[in-house]
Structure formats: structure tokens, C-alpha cells
Amino acid sequence: MRTARRRPARAVVAAVVVLLLAACGGTPEPDNGAAPAPVLPGAYDTADRQSKGFPAAVRPPDNEQHLLLDVVRTGDHPGYDRIVFAHSGDGLPGWRTEYVDQPVSPGSGHDITMAGDAYLAIYVTGLQPGMAGAEHGHAVVDTEWTGQRIAIAQTVTTAVFEGAASYFVSLDAQRAYSVVMYDDGRLVIDFEE
């Protein structure tokens, strides 16, 4: 009788395995490494934004891998101009964005002179504790984006102080924008054309 009971049980197990394998087929998941898609029209505006829980980091870095700004890139796309602040290390920074009348250096309060007529400030937290500049691998940039057909005129980033830094983007005019933080550390801002 033992053998007879095992046969139906084996048949049930085999049927379940076949059904589970069949359920695994279908449309493949999208590739998470693909370039981010543009934000749909209507998602842009000029309102201030911030990550959940700001000034806390979205995902704090562990003690071994510190989060720093690695590179800043811009791009011209149909309907929008993009700037990417790519961070290296572990974790995801907290962030806040707002248009300001004048960019100022954190700490000293000195004005930062920039080309352009409008200034978007991006405040970033959860970076390497203490201080970090170019000598520590944090990208401290002052780049004028001349020769490109984009609304972004200039970008200035500051050194890290007590785990925070400021990034400034100057534009030809105040434009509606969107912000997306990706799991790989890219903070992406799209400006509507």
C-alpha cells in the first residue's frame, strides 16, 4: 500500500512542477540597466522636490563604502535636456531641489558666479562622512556646457562637508523639471524644452 500511495503523490508533484515551469515562461522582464525613459509630458513643473525622509539618505552607505559624486553628464533629448549626477560607492543619497535667486557656497555663504539666468540648487546628503574633495574622489566641478544645444548653461558642485554637498545648475530660464533617483546612484534631472 505504501507504493500505491507514493505513485499518486509523485504524479501530483510532477504535475505541480510542470505547472510551475510553464508559469515561468512569457514576456521577459525589462532590463534594469537600460537608459531611463523620459518622463511623460505633464510630469514636469517648477515646484521644489525632495527625497522621502530628507535630509536622511535614501539608503545610507555602510561603513566600508562611502558615497561620492563620480561624474556629471548632460544630454540633449527630444523634448527635454538631461543632467546626470552619477554617484559611486554604496547607498543612495538624500536630495532636495529648488530654484534659488543666487547660488551660494555652503558654509561661507559666498555667492557663486554662474552663467545663465535661472539656478536650480540640488542639496545632497548621505555622502562620505566628514569632508571630501577631489583628492578623495568626489567630483568638484565647474563646467560651462558651451557648444552644446542644451538649456543647461553651467554646473558647479561643492566639496563634501559633514556628509553633504550642493550641486547647482544654471539655465537660460527657469524651466519645468523632473527628478529621478536610480538604484545605481544616478540622480537624473530632466528639464522640459
Protein backbone atom coordinates (compact mmCIF):
# COMPACT_ATOMS: atom_id res chain seq x y z
CA MET A 1 0.00 0.00 0.00
CA ARG A 2 2.87 2.26 0.60
CA THR A 3 3.92 2.02 -3.01
CA ALA A 4 0.41 2.79 -4.25
CA ARG A 5 0.26 5.96 -2.16
CA ARG A 6 3.60 7.17 -3.46
CA ARG A 7 2.57 6.92 -7.09
CA PRO A 8 -0.31 9.41 -6.81
CA ALA A 9 1.87 11.67 -4.67
CA ARG A 10 4.64 11.52 -7.27
CA ALA A 11 2.12 12.28 -10.01
CA VAL A 12 0.85 15.32 -8.10
CA VAL A 13 4.41 16.58 -7.51
CA ALA A 14 5.26 16.10 -11.19
CA ALA A 15 2.12 18.00 -12.24
CA VAL A 16 2.93 20.88 -9.89
CA VAL A 17 6.50 21.08 -11.25
CA VAL A 18 5.19 21.19 -14.85
CA LEU A 19 2.72 23.96 -13.95
CA LEU A 20 5.39 25.98 -12.18
CA LEU A 21 7.77 25.67 -15.11
CA ALA A 22 5.02 26.73 -17.51
CA ALA A 23 4.31 29.77 -15.34
CA CYS A 24 7.94 30.87 -15.63
CA GLY A 25 7.62 31.46 -19.37
CA GLY A 26 6.17 34.52 -21.05
CA THR A 27 7.42 38.03 -21.54
CA PRO A 28 10.90 38.69 -20.14
CA GLU A 29 11.35 41.39 -17.51
CA PRO A 30 12.71 44.73 -18.77
CA ASP A 31 16.46 45.26 -18.48
CA ASN A 32 17.14 47.47 -15.43
CA GLY A 33 20.45 48.55 -16.93
CA ALA A 34 18.72 50.29 -19.85
CA ALA A 35 18.82 54.06 -20.15
CA PRO A 36 16.00 55.72 -18.26
CA ALA A 37 12.96 56.64 -20.33
CA PRO A 38 11.89 60.27 -20.49
CA VAL A 39 9.24 61.42 -18.06
CA LEU A 40 5.80 61.61 -19.63
CA PRO A 41 4.52 65.08 -20.63
CA GLY A 42 2.77 66.81 -17.77
CA ALA A 43 5.07 65.35 -15.10
CA TYR A 44 7.32 68.42 -15.26
CA ASP A 45 6.86 71.51 -13.08
CA THR A 46 8.95 74.09 -11.23
CA ALA A 47 7.99 73.02 -7.69
CA ASP A 48 10.58 72.14 -5.06
CA ARG A 49 11.14 68.40 -4.62
CA GLN A 50 12.89 66.15 -2.14
CA SER A 51 13.53 62.50 -1.45
CA LYS A 52 11.45 60.78 1.20
CA GLY A 53 12.84 61.49 4.65
CA PHE A 54 15.23 64.26 3.51
CA PRO A 55 17.76 65.17 4.91
CA ALA A 56 18.31 61.47 5.63
CA ALA A 57 19.90 59.39 2.87
CA VAL A 58 17.53 57.25 0.81
CA ARG A 59 19.76 54.26 1.53
CA PRO A 60 22.66 55.11 3.87
CA PRO A 61 26.09 53.80 2.84
CA ASP A 62 27.67 51.15 5.01
CA ASN A 63 30.90 51.89 6.88
CA GLU A 64 33.11 50.34 4.19
CA GLN A 65 31.82 52.01 1.01
CA HIS A 66 31.39 55.78 1.11
CA LEU A 67 29.14 57.53 -1.37
CA LEU A 68 30.70 60.28 -3.52
CA LEU A 69 29.88 62.15 -6.72
CA ASP A 70 31.71 60.40 -9.55
CA VAL A 71 30.77 62.26 -12.75
CA VAL A 72 28.37 64.86 -14.14
CA ARG A 73 26.95 64.44 -17.68
CA THR A 74 24.48 66.34 -19.83
CA GLY A 75 22.47 65.36 -22.87
CA ASP A 76 20.03 66.76 -25.39
CA HIS A 77 16.93 64.63 -26.00
CA PRO A 78 13.72 65.26 -27.96
CA GLY A 79 11.55 67.38 -25.66
CA TYR A 80 13.95 67.63 -22.72
CA ASP A 81 17.54 68.31 -21.67
CA ARG A 82 19.10 66.00 -19.09
CA ILE A 83 21.77 66.32 -16.43
CA VAL A 84 23.02 63.25 -14.56
CA PHE A 85 24.88 63.30 -11.24
CA ALA A 86 26.36 59.79 -11.01
CA HIS A 87 27.46 58.69 -7.53
CA SER A 88 29.88 55.88 -6.76
CA GLY A 89 30.04 53.76 -3.65
CA ASP A 90 27.33 52.14 -1.61
CA GLY A 91 23.96 53.65 -0.76
CA LEU A 92 21.74 56.32 -2.26
CA PRO A 93 21.90 59.97 -1.24
CA GLY A 94 19.04 62.02 0.09
CA TRP A 95 18.31 65.06 -2.08
CA ARG A 96 16.31 68.26 -2.29
CA THR A 97 15.86 70.60 -5.28
CA GLU A 98 14.70 74.20 -5.52
CA TYR A 99 15.16 77.23 -7.72
CA VAL A 100 17.22 79.91 -5.94
CA ASP A 101 17.88 83.58 -6.71
CA GLN A 102 21.64 83.17 -6.26
CA PRO A 103 23.82 80.07 -5.74
CA VAL A 104 25.89 80.36 -2.56
CA SER A 105 28.75 78.30 -1.24
CA PRO A 106 27.70 76.26 1.80
CA GLY A 107 29.48 77.28 4.97
CA SER A 108 30.96 80.57 3.76
CA GLY A 109 27.78 81.89 2.17
CA HIS A 110 29.79 83.49 -0.64
CA ASP A 111 27.99 83.95 -3.93
CA ILE A 112 28.87 81.50 -6.70
CA THR A 113 29.03 83.29 -10.05
CA MET A 114 27.44 81.26 -12.82
CA ALA A 115 26.39 81.81 -16.42
CA GLY A 116 22.66 81.71 -17.11
CA ASP A 117 19.54 83.40 -15.80
CA ALA A 118 17.98 80.73 -13.53
CA TYR A 119 19.58 78.49 -10.90
CA LEU A 120 18.44 75.09 -9.67
CA ALA A 121 20.04 74.09 -6.37
CA ILE A 122 20.39 70.39 -5.54
CA TYR A 123 21.25 69.64 -1.91
CA VAL A 124 22.63 66.12 -1.42
CA THR A 125 23.06 64.27 1.89
CA GLY A 126 24.30 60.85 2.97
CA LEU A 127 27.69 61.24 1.30
CA GLN A 128 31.06 60.34 2.81
CA PRO A 129 31.19 61.44 6.46
CA GLY A 130 33.45 64.38 7.25
CA MET A 131 35.00 66.27 4.36
CA ALA A 132 35.80 65.08 0.85
CA GLY A 133 37.00 66.87 -2.24
CA ALA A 134 38.66 65.95 -5.50
CA GLU A 135 41.61 64.44 -3.62
CA HIS A 136 39.19 61.91 -2.07
CA GLY A 137 37.46 61.01 -5.33
CA HIS A 138 34.49 63.42 -5.06
CA ALA A 139 33.90 65.29 -8.33
CA VAL A 140 34.13 69.01 -7.63
CA VAL A 141 33.24 70.56 -10.97
CA ASP A 142 32.71 73.97 -12.51
CA THR A 143 31.72 73.25 -16.09
CA GLU A 144 30.24 75.56 -18.70
CA TRP A 145 28.37 73.47 -21.25
CA THR A 146 29.31 75.62 -24.25
CA GLY A 147 28.93 74.31 -27.75
CA GLN A 148 26.02 72.07 -26.80
CA ARG A 149 22.44 72.77 -27.85
CA ILE A 150 21.00 72.49 -24.38
CA ALA A 151 19.29 74.87 -21.95
CA ILE A 152 21.84 73.97 -19.25
CA ALA A 153 24.49 76.69 -19.18
CA GLN A 154 26.77 75.65 -16.30
CA THR A 155 27.15 73.19 -13.42
CA VAL A 156 29.00 73.78 -10.16
CA THR A 157 29.38 71.19 -7.39
CA THR A 158 30.89 71.72 -3.96
CA ALA A 159 33.12 69.55 -1.81
CA VAL A 160 31.50 67.31 0.79
CA PHE A 161 31.20 68.80 4.27
CA GLU A 162 29.74 66.70 7.09
CA GLY A 163 28.30 64.24 4.58
CA ALA A 164 26.51 66.86 2.45
CA ALA A 165 27.24 68.73 -0.78
CA SER A 166 25.50 71.23 -3.03
CA TYR A 167 25.15 70.99 -6.80
CA PHE A 168 23.99 73.98 -8.86
CA VAL A 169 22.68 74.01 -12.42
CA SER A 170 22.29 77.29 -14.28
CA LEU A 171 19.83 77.53 -17.15
CA ASP A 172 18.81 80.01 -19.83
CA ALA A 173 15.47 80.43 -17.99
CA GLN A 174 13.55 78.78 -15.16
CA ARG A 175 12.17 75.57 -16.68
CA ALA A 176 9.83 72.85 -15.50
CA TYR A 177 11.78 69.75 -14.46
CA SER A 178 11.54 66.23 -13.10
CA VAL A 179 13.87 64.30 -10.78
CA VAL A 180 14.53 60.55 -10.63
CA MET A 181 16.97 58.71 -8.34
CA TYR A 182 18.07 55.34 -9.73
CA ASP A 183 19.31 52.37 -7.67
CA ASP A 184 22.76 52.65 -9.25
CA GLY A 185 23.35 56.08 -7.66
CA ARG A 186 22.34 58.28 -10.62
CA LEU A 187 20.39 61.41 -9.75
CA VAL A 188 18.76 62.38 -13.06
CA ILE A 189 17.13 65.74 -13.71
CA ASP A 190 15.26 66.40 -16.95
CA PHE A 191 14.41 69.97 -17.97
CA GLU A 192 11.47 70.49 -20.29
CA GLU A 193 12.35 72.24 -23.55
